[in-house]
Amino acid sequence: ALVLVLVAVLLVVAPLLSRLLAMAVSRQREYLADATAAEFTRNPLGLARALEEIRKHSSPLRRATRGTAHLLIHDPLERKLDDREGFWANLFSTHPPVEERIRRLRRMAYAPERAAGA
């Protein structure tokens, strides 16, 4: 009986845990993609400006779904949770806040290595 209860609990909890893990991976992939793009283009300020333009002009897509939202640059569903930071936002959002992405890109542009002429 104990094994059946344990299996039932796992059947309920496993999909939730897998979804939370997928959202966390999606957020980290966006940060890594930004860092890779900055390294590849050597223009993190240009990338930050591009994100600002995307944020300014983005609007919800009619065909975007929760299943495809993580594939896009900016959350097409424009959920308010993706614009926040904190424990719950980090737990349930698929995209990191655009402001945080822009801030990280700007910090890459002003890294100490660049100031030293490296």
PDB file of N, CA and C in Angstrom:
ATOM      1  N   ALA A   1       0.835  -1.199   0.000  1.00  0.00           N
ATOM      2  CA  ALA A   1       0.000   0.000   0.000  1.00  0.00           C
ATOM      3  C   ALA A   1       0.877   1.259   0.000  1.00  0.00           C
ATOM      4  N   LEU A   2       1.968   1.212   0.760  1.00  0.00           N
ATOM      5  CA  LEU A   2       2.868   2.366   0.818  1.00  0.00           C
ATOM      6  C   LEU A   2       3.494   2.641  -0.542  1.00  0.00           C
ATOM      7  N   VAL A   3       3.830   1.588  -1.265  1.00  0.00           N
ATOM      8  CA  VAL A   3       4.419   1.738  -2.595  1.00  0.00           C
ATOM      9  C   VAL A   3       3.415   2.363  -3.552  1.00  0.00           C
ATOM     10  N   LEU A   4       2.167   1.979  -3.475  1.00  0.00           N
ATOM     11  CA  LEU A   4       1.136   2.554  -4.346  1.00  0.00           C
ATOM     12  C   LEU A   4       0.933   4.040  -4.060  1.00  0.00           C
ATOM     13  N   VAL A   5       0.960   4.415  -2.787  1.00  0.00           N
ATOM     14  CA  VAL A   5       0.833   5.825  -2.431  1.00  0.00           C
ATOM     15  C   VAL A   5       2.033   6.608  -2.963  1.00  0.00           C
ATOM     16  N   LEU A   6       3.220   6.059  -2.810  1.00  0.00           N
ATOM     17  CA  LEU A   6       4.427   6.712  -3.310  1.00  0.00           C
ATOM     18  C   LEU A   6       4.377   6.878  -4.826  1.00  0.00           C
ATOM     19  N   VAL A   7       3.950   5.858  -5.541  1.00  0.00           N
ATOM     20  CA  VAL A   7       3.829   5.932  -7.000  1.00  0.00           C
ATOM     21  C   VAL A   7       2.789   6.972  -7.394  1.00  0.00           C
ATOM     22  N   ALA A   8       1.678   7.027  -6.687  1.00  0.00           N
ATOM     23  CA  ALA A   8       0.636   8.017  -6.988  1.00  0.00           C
ATOM     24  C   ALA A   8       1.151   9.435  -6.774  1.00  0.00           C
ATOM     25  N   VAL A   9       1.890   9.642  -5.694  1.00  0.00           N
ATOM     26  CA  VAL A   9       2.459  10.971  -5.433  1.00  0.00           C
ATOM     27  C   VAL A   9       3.456  11.340  -6.523  1.00  0.00           C
ATOM     28  N   LEU A  10       4.293  10.417  -6.916  1.00  0.00           N
ATOM     29  CA  LEU A  10       5.261  10.685  -7.983  1.00  0.00           C
ATOM     30  C   LEU A  10       4.575  10.981  -9.310  1.00  0.00           C
ATOM     31  N   LEU A  11       3.469  10.308  -9.589  1.00  0.00           N
ATOM     32  CA  LEU A  11       2.743  10.568 -10.827  1.00  0.00           C
ATOM     33  C   LEU A  11       2.156  11.977 -10.855  1.00  0.00           C
ATOM     34  N   VAL A  12       1.823  12.500  -9.697  1.00  0.00           N
ATOM     35  CA  VAL A  12       1.282  13.849  -9.623  1.00  0.00           C
ATOM     36  C   VAL A  12       2.401  14.893  -9.623  1.00  0.00           C
ATOM     37  N   VAL A  13       3.469  14.635  -8.904  1.00  0.00           N
ATOM     38  CA  VAL A  13       4.541  15.619  -8.713  1.00  0.00           C
ATOM     39  C   VAL A  13       5.517  15.661  -9.891  1.00  0.00           C
ATOM     40  N   ALA A  14       5.766  14.548 -10.527  1.00  0.00           N
ATOM     41  CA  ALA A  14       6.772  14.485 -11.599  1.00  0.00           C
ATOM     42  C   ALA A  14       6.491  15.460 -12.740  1.00  0.00           C
ATOM     43  N   PRO A  15       5.262  15.552 -13.266  1.00  0.00           N
ATOM     44  CA  PRO A  15       5.032  16.525 -14.356  1.00  0.00           C
ATOM     45  C   PRO A  15       5.270  17.975 -13.915  1.00  0.00           C
ATOM     46  N   LEU A  16       4.891  18.294 -12.686  1.00  0.00           N
ATOM     47  CA  LEU A  16       5.115  19.654 -12.186  1.00  0.00           C
ATOM     48  C   LEU A  16       6.609  19.943 -12.066  1.00  0.00           C
ATOM     49  N   LEU A  17       7.348  19.018 -11.511  1.00  0.00           N
ATOM     50  CA  LEU A  17       8.795  19.210 -11.376  1.00  0.00           C
ATOM     51  C   LEU A  17       9.480  19.302 -12.735  1.00  0.00           C
ATOM     52  N   SER A  18       9.044  18.497 -13.684  1.00  0.00           N
ATOM     53  CA  SER A  18       9.663  18.556 -15.008  1.00  0.00           C
ATOM     54  C   SER A  18       9.370  19.891 -15.694  1.00  0.00           C
ATOM     55  N   ARG A  19       8.178  20.429 -15.490  1.00  0.00           N
ATOM     56  CA  ARG A  19       7.827  21.731 -16.091  1.00  0.00           C
ATOM     57  C   ARG A  19       8.654  22.855 -15.453  1.00  0.00           C
ATOM     58  N   LEU A  20       8.800  22.797 -14.132  1.00  0.00           N
ATOM     59  CA  LEU A  20       9.607  23.805 -13.445  1.00  0.00           C
ATOM     60  C   LEU A  20      11.055  23.744 -13.906  1.00  0.00           C
ATOM     61  N   LEU A  21      11.563  22.555 -14.094  1.00  0.00           N
ATOM     62  CA  LEU A  21      12.933  22.387 -14.576  1.00  0.00           C
ATOM     63  C   LEU A  21      13.080  22.931 -15.997  1.00  0.00           C
ATOM     64  N   ALA A  22      12.095  22.666 -16.845  1.00  0.00           N
ATOM     65  CA  ALA A  22      12.142  23.173 -18.222  1.00  0.00           C
ATOM     66  C   ALA A  22      12.132  24.695 -18.254  1.00  0.00           C
ATOM     67  N   MET A  23      11.352  25.330 -17.374  1.00  0.00           N
ATOM     68  CA  MET A  23      11.311  26.790 -17.334  1.00  0.00           C
ATOM     69  C   MET A  23      12.644  27.355 -16.849  1.00  0.00           C
ATOM     70  N   ALA A  24      13.244  26.718 -15.853  1.00  0.00           N
ATOM     71  CA  ALA A  24      14.540  27.183 -15.359  1.00  0.00           C
ATOM     72  C   ALA A  24      15.613  27.055 -16.435  1.00  0.00           C
ATOM     73  N   VAL A  25      15.597  25.970 -17.162  1.00  0.00           N
ATOM     74  CA  VAL A  25      16.564  25.765 -18.246  1.00  0.00           C
ATOM     75  C   VAL A  25      16.347  26.807 -19.335  1.00  0.00           C
ATOM     76  N   SER A  26      15.095  27.113 -19.637  1.00  0.00           N
ATOM     77  CA  SER A  26      14.794  28.106 -20.660  1.00  0.00           C
ATOM     78  C   SER A  26      15.357  29.475 -20.280  1.00  0.00           C
ATOM     79  N   ARG A  27      15.192  29.873 -19.016  1.00  0.00           N
ATOM     80  CA  ARG A  27      15.730  31.173 -18.572  1.00  0.00           C
ATOM     81  C   ARG A  27      17.248  31.190 -18.669  1.00  0.00           C
ATOM     82  N   GLN A  28      17.891  30.126 -18.232  1.00  0.00           N
ATOM     83  CA  GLN A  28      19.357  30.074 -18.291  1.00  0.00           C
ATOM     84  C   GLN A  28      19.854  30.078 -19.734  1.00  0.00           C
ATOM     85  N   ARG A  29      19.139  29.401 -20.614  1.00  0.00           N
ATOM     86  CA  ARG A  29      19.538  29.379 -22.021  1.00  0.00           C
ATOM     87  C   ARG A  29      19.492  30.777 -22.619  1.00  0.00           C
ATOM     88  N   GLU A  30      18.535  31.594 -22.212  1.00  0.00           N
ATOM     89  CA  GLU A  30      18.472  32.965 -22.736  1.00  0.00           C
ATOM     90  C   GLU A  30      19.671  33.780 -22.274  1.00  0.00           C
ATOM     91  N   TYR A  31      20.039  33.657 -21.009  1.00  0.00           N
ATOM     92  CA  TYR A  31      21.226  34.367 -20.521  1.00  0.00           C
ATOM     93  C   TYR A  31      22.482  33.880 -21.245  1.00  0.00           C
ATOM     94  N   LEU A  32      22.594  32.581 -21.433  1.00  0.00           N
ATOM     95  CA  LEU A  32      23.763  32.040 -22.135  1.00  0.00           C
ATOM     96  C   LEU A  32      23.777  32.457 -23.601  1.00  0.00           C
ATOM     97  N   ALA A  33      22.618  32.519 -24.216  1.00  0.00           N
ATOM     98  CA  ALA A  33      22.546  32.965 -25.612  1.00  0.00           C
ATOM     99  C   ALA A  33      22.975  34.420 -25.729  1.00  0.00           C
ATOM    100  N   ASP A  34      22.572  35.242 -24.784  1.00  0.00           N
ATOM    101  CA  ASP A  34      22.996  36.643 -24.788  1.00  0.00           C
ATOM    102  C   ASP A  34      24.515  36.746 -24.642  1.00  0.00           C
ATOM    103  N   ALA A  35      25.076  35.983 -23.721  1.00  0.00           N
ATOM    104  CA  ALA A  35      26.531  36.026 -23.508  1.00  0.00           C
ATOM    105  C   ALA A  35      27.282  35.528 -24.738  1.00  0.00           C
ATOM    106  N   THR A  36      26.769  34.467 -25.353  1.00  0.00           N
ATOM    107  CA  THR A  36      27.412  33.938 -26.559  1.00  0.00           C
ATOM    108  C   THR A  36      27.320  34.931 -27.707  1.00  0.00           C
ATOM    109  N   ALA A  37      26.164  35.572 -27.851  1.00  0.00           N
ATOM    110  CA  ALA A  37      26.007  36.567 -28.916  1.00  0.00           C
ATOM    111  C   ALA A  37      26.931  37.751 -28.685  1.00  0.00           C
ATOM    112  N   ALA A  38      27.072  38.162 -27.433  1.00  0.00           N
ATOM    113  CA  ALA A  38      27.981  39.276 -27.130  1.00  0.00           C
ATOM    114  C   ALA A  38      29.426  38.900 -27.434  1.00  0.00           C
ATOM    115  N   GLU A  39      29.781  37.669 -27.125  1.00  0.00           N
ATOM    116  CA  GLU A  39      31.147  37.215 -27.420  1.00  0.00           C
ATOM    117  C   GLU A  39      31.371  37.099 -28.931  1.00  0.00           C
ATOM    118  N   PHE A  40      30.373  36.593 -29.633  1.00  0.00           N
ATOM    119  CA  PHE A  40      30.496  36.407 -31.077  1.00  0.00           C
ATOM    120  C   PHE A  40      30.537  37.742 -31.820  1.00  0.00           C
ATOM    121  N   THR A  41      29.642  38.655 -31.472  1.00  0.00           N
ATOM    122  CA  THR A  41      29.571  39.932 -32.187  1.00  0.00           C
ATOM    123  C   THR A  41      30.521  40.980 -31.637  1.00  0.00           C
ATOM    124  N   ARG A  42      30.971  40.780 -30.405  1.00  0.00           N
ATOM    125  CA  ARG A  42      31.811  41.751 -29.700  1.00  0.00           C
ATOM    126  C   ARG A  42      31.130  43.112 -29.613  1.00  0.00           C
ATOM    127  N   ASN A  43      29.794  43.063 -29.511  1.00  0.00           N
ATOM    128  CA  ASN A  43      29.026  44.299 -29.436  1.00  0.00           C
ATOM    129  C   ASN A  43      27.858  44.129 -28.464  1.00  0.00           C
ATOM    130  N   PRO A  44      28.138  43.991 -27.170  1.00  0.00           N
ATOM    131  CA  PRO A  44      27.036  43.795 -26.231  1.00  0.00           C
ATOM    132  C   PRO A  44      26.103  45.000 -26.137  1.00  0.00           C
ATOM    133  N   LEU A  45      26.619  46.211 -26.367  1.00  0.00           N
ATOM    134  CA  LEU A  45      25.738  47.383 -26.338  1.00  0.00           C
ATOM    135  C   LEU A  45      24.741  47.351 -27.490  1.00  0.00           C
ATOM    136  N   GLY A  46      25.186  46.909 -28.645  1.00  0.00           N
ATOM    137  CA  GLY A  46      24.272  46.772 -29.780  1.00  0.00           C
ATOM    138  C   GLY A  46      23.193  45.745 -29.504  1.00  0.00           C
ATOM    139  N   LEU A  47      23.581  44.664 -28.862  1.00  0.00           N
ATOM    140  CA  LEU A  47      22.595  43.638 -28.498  1.00  0.00           C
ATOM    141  C   LEU A  47      21.610  44.163 -27.460  1.00  0.00           C
ATOM    142  N   ALA A  48      22.105  44.954 -26.519  1.00  0.00           N
ATOM    143  CA  ALA A  48      21.218  45.551 -25.512  1.00  0.00           C
ATOM    144  C   ALA A  48      20.222  46.493 -26.178  1.00  0.00           C
ATOM    145  N   ARG A  49      20.694  47.290 -27.126  1.00  0.00           N
ATOM    146  CA  ARG A  49      19.781  48.191 -27.845  1.00  0.00           C
ATOM    147  C   ARG A  49      18.764  47.411 -28.667  1.00  0.00           C
ATOM    148  N   ALA A  50      19.194  46.294 -29.248  1.00  0.00           N
ATOM    149  CA  ALA A  50      18.257  45.462 -30.012  1.00  0.00           C
ATOM    150  C   ALA A  50      17.175  44.892 -29.097  1.00  0.00           C
ATOM    151  N   LEU A  51      17.551  44.454 -27.914  1.00  0.00           N
ATOM    152  CA  LEU A  51      16.551  43.956 -26.964  1.00  0.00           C
ATOM    153  C   LEU A  51      15.580  45.054 -26.546  1.00  0.00           C
ATOM    154  N   GLU A  52      16.097  46.270 -26.388  1.00  0.00           N
ATOM    155  CA  GLU A  52      15.214  47.386 -26.051  1.00  0.00           C
ATOM    156  C   GLU A  52      14.196  47.626 -27.157  1.00  0.00           C
ATOM    157  N   GLU A  53      14.632  47.539 -28.404  1.00  0.00           N
ATOM    158  CA  GLU A  53      13.705  47.713 -29.534  1.00  0.00           C
ATOM    159  C   GLU A  53      12.692  46.575 -29.601  1.00  0.00           C
ATOM    160  N   ILE A  54      13.144  45.357 -29.385  1.00  0.00           N
ATOM    161  CA  ILE A  54      12.229  44.221 -29.399  1.00  0.00           C
ATOM    162  C   ILE A  54      11.185  44.379 -28.302  1.00  0.00           C
ATOM    163  N   ARG A  55      11.626  44.781 -27.124  1.00  0.00           N
ATOM    164  CA  ARG A  55      10.697  44.987 -26.010  1.00  0.00           C
ATOM    165  C   ARG A  55       9.687  46.077 -26.336  1.00  0.00           C
ATOM    166  N   LYS A  56      10.158  47.130 -26.972  1.00  0.00           N
ATOM    167  CA  LYS A  56       9.292  48.265 -27.279  1.00  0.00           C
ATOM    168  C   LYS A  56       8.219  47.900 -28.307  1.00  0.00           C
ATOM    169  N   HIS A  57       8.568  47.052 -29.274  1.00  0.00           N
ATOM    170  CA  HIS A  57       7.660  46.772 -30.371  1.00  0.00           C
ATOM    171  C   HIS A  57       6.993  45.411 -30.318  1.00  0.00           C
ATOM    172  N   SER A  58       7.263  44.633 -29.281  1.00  0.00           N
ATOM    173  CA  SER A  58       6.669  43.303 -29.246  1.00  0.00           C
ATOM    174  C   SER A  58       5.204  43.383 -28.836  1.00  0.00           C
ATOM    175  N   SER A  59       4.430  42.456 -29.349  1.00  0.00           N
ATOM    176  CA  SER A  59       3.018  42.355 -29.000  1.00  0.00           C
ATOM    177  C   SER A  59       2.633  40.886 -28.996  1.00  0.00           C
ATOM    178  N   PRO A  60       1.554  40.537 -28.317  1.00  0.00           N
ATOM    179  CA  PRO A  60       1.167  39.119 -28.261  1.00  0.00           C
ATOM    180  C   PRO A  60       0.884  38.552 -29.652  1.00  0.00           C
ATOM    181  N   LEU A  61       1.364  37.369 -29.883  1.00  0.00           N
ATOM    182  CA  LEU A  61       1.077  36.681 -31.139  1.00  0.00           C
ATOM    183  C   LEU A  61      -0.215  35.902 -30.997  1.00  0.00           C
ATOM    184  N   ARG A  62      -0.961  35.794 -32.070  1.00  0.00           N
ATOM    185  CA  ARG A  62      -2.231  35.066 -31.995  1.00  0.00           C
ATOM    186  C   ARG A  62      -2.021  33.570 -31.864  1.00  0.00           C
ATOM    187  N   ARG A  63      -0.953  33.060 -32.425  1.00  0.00           N
ATOM    188  CA  ARG A  63      -0.738  31.620 -32.415  1.00  0.00           C
ATOM    189  C   ARG A  63       0.270  31.159 -31.368  1.00  0.00           C
ATOM    190  N   ALA A  64       0.793  32.048 -30.592  1.00  0.00           N
ATOM    191  CA  ALA A  64       1.754  31.657 -29.566  1.00  0.00           C
ATOM    192  C   ALA A  64       1.033  30.885 -28.471  1.00  0.00           C
ATOM    193  N   THR A  65       1.667  29.849 -27.998  1.00  0.00           N
ATOM    194  CA  THR A  65       1.106  29.046 -26.921  1.00  0.00           C
ATOM    195  C   THR A  65       2.126  28.951 -25.798  1.00  0.00           C
ATOM    196  N   ARG A  66       1.692  28.438 -24.678  1.00  0.00           N
ATOM    197  CA  ARG A  66       2.621  28.249 -23.570  1.00  0.00           C
ATOM    198  C   ARG A  66       3.712  27.266 -23.960  1.00  0.00           C
ATOM    199  N   GLY A  67       3.415  26.364 -24.853  1.00  0.00           N
ATOM    200  CA  GLY A  67       4.393  25.374 -25.282  1.00  0.00           C
ATOM    201  C   GLY A  67       5.444  25.920 -26.224  1.00  0.00           C
ATOM    202  N   THR A  68       5.149  27.018 -26.917  1.00  0.00           N
ATOM    203  CA  THR A  68       6.109  27.584 -27.862  1.00  0.00           C
ATOM    204  C   THR A  68       6.714  28.904 -27.391  1.00  0.00           C
ATOM    205  N   ALA A  69       6.217  29.462 -26.299  1.00  0.00           N
ATOM    206  CA  ALA A  69       6.685  30.769 -25.834  1.00  0.00           C
ATOM    207  C   ALA A  69       8.171  30.770 -25.519  1.00  0.00           C
ATOM    208  N   HIS A  70       8.693  29.664 -25.014  1.00  0.00           N
ATOM    209  CA  HIS A  70      10.105  29.620 -24.626  1.00  0.00           C
ATOM    210  C   HIS A  70      11.043  29.638 -25.829  1.00  0.00           C
ATOM    211  N   LEU A  71      10.530  29.442 -27.020  1.00  0.00           N
ATOM    212  CA  LEU A  71      11.365  29.427 -28.218  1.00  0.00           C
ATOM    213  C   LEU A  71      11.633  30.822 -28.785  1.00  0.00           C
ATOM    214  N   LEU A  72      10.944  31.819 -28.293  1.00  0.00           N
ATOM    215  CA  LEU A  72      11.040  33.165 -28.843  1.00  0.00           C
ATOM    216  C   LEU A  72      11.944  34.056 -27.991  1.00  0.00           C
ATOM    217  N   ILE A  73      12.388  35.168 -28.562  1.00  0.00           N
ATOM    218  CA  ILE A  73      13.319  36.076 -27.891  1.00  0.00           C
ATOM    219  C   ILE A  73      12.660  36.747 -26.698  1.00  0.00           C
ATOM    220  N   HIS A  74      11.459  37.206 -26.876  1.00  0.00           N
ATOM    221  CA  HIS A  74      10.708  37.903 -25.834  1.00  0.00           C
ATOM    222  C   HIS A  74       9.409  37.143 -25.644  1.00  0.00           C
ATOM    223  N   ASP A  75       8.893  37.105 -24.435  1.00  0.00           N
ATOM    224  CA  ASP A  75       7.677  36.349 -24.163  1.00  0.00           C
ATOM    225  C   ASP A  75       6.524  36.885 -25.011  1.00  0.00           C
ATOM    226  N   PRO A  76       6.026  36.101 -25.976  1.00  0.00           N
ATOM    227  CA  PRO A  76       4.970  36.589 -26.856  1.00  0.00           C
ATOM    228  C   PRO A  76       3.627  36.695 -26.149  1.00  0.00           C
ATOM    229  N   LEU A  77       3.465  36.039 -25.029  1.00  0.00           N
ATOM    230  CA  LEU A  77       2.211  36.079 -24.295  1.00  0.00           C
ATOM    231  C   LEU A  77       2.143  37.271 -23.345  1.00  0.00           C
ATOM    232  N   GLU A  78       3.270  37.966 -23.206  1.00  0.00           N
ATOM    233  CA  GLU A  78       3.401  39.155 -22.365  1.00  0.00           C
ATOM    234  C   GLU A  78       2.814  38.942 -20.979  1.00  0.00           C
ATOM    235  N   ARG A  79       3.219  37.864 -20.358  1.00  0.00           N
ATOM    236  CA  ARG A  79       2.783  37.602 -18.987  1.00  0.00           C
ATOM    237  C   ARG A  79       3.539  38.520 -18.051  1.00  0.00           C
ATOM    238  N   LYS A  80       2.850  39.076 -17.098  1.00  0.00           N
ATOM    239  CA  LYS A  80       3.465  40.013 -16.150  1.00  0.00           C
ATOM    240  C   LYS A  80       4.537  39.338 -15.311  1.00  0.00           C
ATOM    241  N   LEU A  81       4.421  38.030 -15.103  1.00  0.00           N
ATOM    242  CA  LEU A  81       5.384  37.309 -14.293  1.00  0.00           C
ATOM    243  C   LEU A  81       6.780  37.352 -14.897  1.00  0.00           C
ATOM    244  N   ASP A  82       6.875  37.388 -16.212  1.00  0.00           N
ATOM    245  CA  ASP A  82       8.178  37.396 -16.870  1.00  0.00           C
ATOM    246  C   ASP A  82       8.895  38.736 -16.739  1.00  0.00           C
ATOM    247  N   ASP A  83       8.202  39.777 -16.308  1.00  0.00           N
ATOM    248  CA  ASP A  83       8.835  41.081 -16.123  1.00  0.00           C
ATOM    249  C   ASP A  83       9.298  41.297 -14.690  1.00  0.00           C
ATOM    250  N   ARG A  84       9.085  40.324 -13.842  1.00  0.00           N
ATOM    251  CA  ARG A  84       9.434  40.461 -12.429  1.00  0.00           C
ATOM    252  C   ARG A  84      10.635  39.604 -12.087  1.00  0.00           C
ATOM    253  N   GLU A  85      11.209  39.936 -10.943  1.00  0.00           N
ATOM    254  CA  GLU A  85      12.292  39.128 -10.400  1.00  0.00           C
ATOM    255  C   GLU A  85      11.859  38.641  -9.029  1.00  0.00           C
ATOM    256  N   GLY A  86      12.532  37.642  -8.542  1.00  0.00           N
ATOM    257  CA  GLY A  86      12.205  37.103  -7.235  1.00  0.00           C
ATOM    258  C   GLY A  86      11.956  35.609  -7.316  1.00  0.00           C
ATOM    259  N   PHE A  87      11.698  35.018  -6.171  1.00  0.00           N
ATOM    260  CA  PHE A  87      11.569  33.565  -6.092  1.00  0.00           C
ATOM    261  C   PHE A  87      10.447  33.038  -6.982  1.00  0.00           C
ATOM    262  N   TRP A  88       9.229  33.582  -6.850  1.00  0.00           N
ATOM    263  CA  TRP A  88       8.090  33.049  -7.609  1.00  0.00           C
ATOM    264  C   TRP A  88       8.236  33.325  -9.101  1.00  0.00           C
ATOM    265  N   ALA A  89       8.722  34.484  -9.448  1.00  0.00           N
ATOM    266  CA  ALA A  89       8.929  34.788 -10.864  1.00  0.00           C
ATOM    267  C   ALA A  89       9.987  33.864 -11.450  1.00  0.00           C
ATOM    268  N   ASN A  90      11.061  33.628 -10.719  1.00  0.00           N
ATOM    269  CA  ASN A  90      12.104  32.723 -11.202  1.00  0.00           C
ATOM    270  C   ASN A  90      11.599  31.298 -11.311  1.00  0.00           C
ATOM    271  N   LEU A  91      10.650  30.943 -10.472  1.00  0.00           N
ATOM    272  CA  LEU A  91      10.134  29.584 -10.461  1.00  0.00           C
ATOM    273  C   LEU A  91       9.169  29.325 -11.609  1.00  0.00           C
ATOM    274  N   PHE A  92       8.338  30.310 -11.953  1.00  0.00           N
ATOM    275  CA  PHE A  92       7.262  30.062 -12.906  1.00  0.00           C
ATOM    276  C   PHE A  92       7.384  30.777 -14.248  1.00  0.00           C
ATOM    277  N   SER A  93       8.380  31.599 -14.471  1.00  0.00           N
ATOM    278  CA  SER A  93       8.476  32.301 -15.753  1.00  0.00           C
ATOM    279  C   SER A  93       9.375  31.541 -16.721  1.00  0.00           C
ATOM    280  N   THR A  94       9.065  31.653 -18.003  1.00  0.00           N
ATOM    281  CA  THR A  94       9.867  30.985 -19.025  1.00  0.00           C
ATOM    282  C   THR A  94      10.977  31.883 -19.554  1.00  0.00           C
ATOM    283  N   HIS A  95      10.827  33.182 -19.406  1.00  0.00           N
ATOM    284  CA  HIS A  95      11.809  34.141 -19.893  1.00  0.00           C
ATOM    285  C   HIS A  95      12.335  34.969 -18.728  1.00  0.00           C
ATOM    286  N   PRO A  96      13.622  35.271 -18.737  1.00  0.00           N
ATOM    287  CA  PRO A  96      14.122  36.200 -17.716  1.00  0.00           C
ATOM    288  C   PRO A  96      13.629  37.602 -18.050  1.00  0.00           C
ATOM    289  N   PRO A  97      13.580  38.485 -17.068  1.00  0.00           N
ATOM    290  CA  PRO A  97      13.150  39.858 -17.352  1.00  0.00           C
ATOM    291  C   PRO A  97      14.073  40.506 -18.391  1.00  0.00           C
ATOM    292  N   VAL A  98      13.489  41.178 -19.352  1.00  0.00           N
ATOM    293  CA  VAL A  98      14.268  41.829 -20.410  1.00  0.00           C
ATOM    294  C   VAL A  98      15.194  42.872 -19.799  1.00  0.00           C
ATOM    295  N   GLU A  99      14.732  43.558 -18.761  1.00  0.00           N
ATOM    296  CA  GLU A  99      15.584  44.557 -18.102  1.00  0.00           C
ATOM    297  C   GLU A  99      16.853  43.917 -17.546  1.00  0.00           C
ATOM    298  N   GLU A 100      16.724  42.730 -16.978  1.00  0.00           N
ATOM    299  CA  GLU A 100      17.901  42.031 -16.440  1.00  0.00           C
ATOM    300  C   GLU A 100      18.842  41.620 -17.570  1.00  0.00           C
ATOM    301  N   ARG A 101      18.288  41.160 -18.681  1.00  0.00           N
ATOM    302  CA  ARG A 101      19.114  40.782 -19.828  1.00  0.00           C
ATOM    303  C   ARG A 101      19.875  41.997 -20.355  1.00  0.00           C
ATOM    304  N   ILE A 102      19.187  43.129 -20.447  1.00  0.00           N
ATOM    305  CA  ILE A 102      19.826  44.357 -20.931  1.00  0.00           C
ATOM    306  C   ILE A 102      20.909  44.799 -19.959  1.00  0.00           C
ATOM    307  N   ARG A 103      20.622  44.725 -18.652  1.00  0.00           N
ATOM    308  CA  ARG A 103      21.606  45.114 -17.651  1.00  0.00           C
ATOM    309  C   ARG A 103      22.856  44.237 -17.732  1.00  0.00           C
ATOM    310  N   ARG A 104      22.675  42.941 -17.921  1.00  0.00           N
ATOM    311  CA  ARG A 104      23.826  42.042 -18.034  1.00  0.00           C
ATOM    312  C   ARG A 104      24.652  42.343 -19.283  1.00  0.00           C
ATOM    313  N   LEU A 105      23.971  42.632 -20.390  1.00  0.00           N
ATOM    314  CA  LEU A 105      24.701  42.961 -21.617  1.00  0.00           C
ATOM    315  C   LEU A 105      25.481  44.264 -21.453  1.00  0.00           C
ATOM    316  N   ARG A 106      24.889  45.235 -20.806  1.00  0.00           N
ATOM    317  CA  ARG A 106      25.595  46.501 -20.572  1.00  0.00           C
ATOM    318  C   ARG A 106      26.804  46.298 -19.666  1.00  0.00           C
ATOM    319  N   ARG A 107      26.683  45.424 -18.672  1.00  0.00           N
ATOM    320  CA  ARG A 107      27.828  45.125 -17.806  1.00  0.00           C
ATOM    321  C   ARG A 107      28.941  44.450 -18.595  1.00  0.00           C
ATOM    322  N   MET A 108      28.580  43.619 -19.585  1.00  0.00           N
ATOM    323  CA  MET A 108      29.606  42.981 -20.418  1.00  0.00           C
ATOM    324  C   MET A 108      30.372  44.021 -21.209  1.00  0.00           C
ATOM    325  N   ALA A 109      29.689  45.081 -21.616  1.00  0.00           N
ATOM    326  CA  ALA A 109      30.346  46.125 -22.410  1.00  0.00           C
ATOM    327  C   ALA A 109      31.347  46.906 -21.582  1.00  0.00           C
ATOM    328  N   TYR A 110      31.110  46.996 -20.284  1.00  0.00           N
ATOM    329  CA  TYR A 110      31.967  47.783 -19.411  1.00  0.00           C
ATOM    330  C   TYR A 110      32.768  46.891 -18.474  1.00  0.00           C
ATOM    331  N   ALA A 111      33.094  45.695 -18.924  1.00  0.00           N
ATOM    332  CA  ALA A 111      33.872  44.758 -18.098  1.00  0.00           C
ATOM    333  C   ALA A 111      35.274  45.320 -17.887  1.00  0.00           C
ATOM    334  N   PRO A 112      35.919  45.019 -16.766  1.00  0.00           N
ATOM    335  CA  PRO A 112      37.272  45.536 -16.497  1.00  0.00           C
ATOM    336  C   PRO A 112      38.290  45.162 -17.566  1.00  0.00           C
ATOM    337  N   GLU A 113      38.127  44.008 -18.211  1.00  0.00           N
ATOM    338  CA  GLU A 113      39.089  43.601 -19.243  1.00  0.00           C
ATOM    339  C   GLU A 113      39.051  44.582 -20.421  1.00  0.00           C
ATOM    340  N   ARG A 114      37.876  45.058 -20.756  1.00  0.00           N
ATOM    341  CA  ARG A 114      37.764  45.992 -21.886  1.00  0.00           C
ATOM    342  C   ARG A 114      38.344  47.349 -21.505  1.00  0.00           C
ATOM    343  N   ALA A 115      38.148  47.756 -20.254  1.00  0.00           N
ATOM    344  CA  ALA A 115      38.663  49.054 -19.813  1.00  0.00           C
ATOM    345  C   ALA A 115      40.191  49.053 -19.779  1.00  0.00           C
ATOM    346  N   ALA A 116      40.784  47.899 -19.525  1.00  0.00           N
ATOM    347  CA  ALA A 116      42.240  47.803 -19.458  1.00  0.00           C
ATOM    348  C   ALA A 116      42.863  47.694 -20.844  1.00  0.00           C
ATOM    349  N   GLY A 117      42.018  47.565 -21.870  1.00  0.00           N
ATOM    350  CA  GLY A 117      42.533  47.485 -23.234  1.00  0.00           C
ATOM    351  C   GLY A 117      42.850  46.068 -23.672  1.00  0.00           C
ATOM    352  N   ALA A 118      42.290  45.082 -22.992  1.00  0.00           N
ATOM    353  CA  ALA A 118      42.560  43.689 -23.346  1.00  0.00           C
ATOM    354  C   ALA A 118      41.745  43.270 -24.547  1.00  0.00           C
TER     355      ALA A 118
END
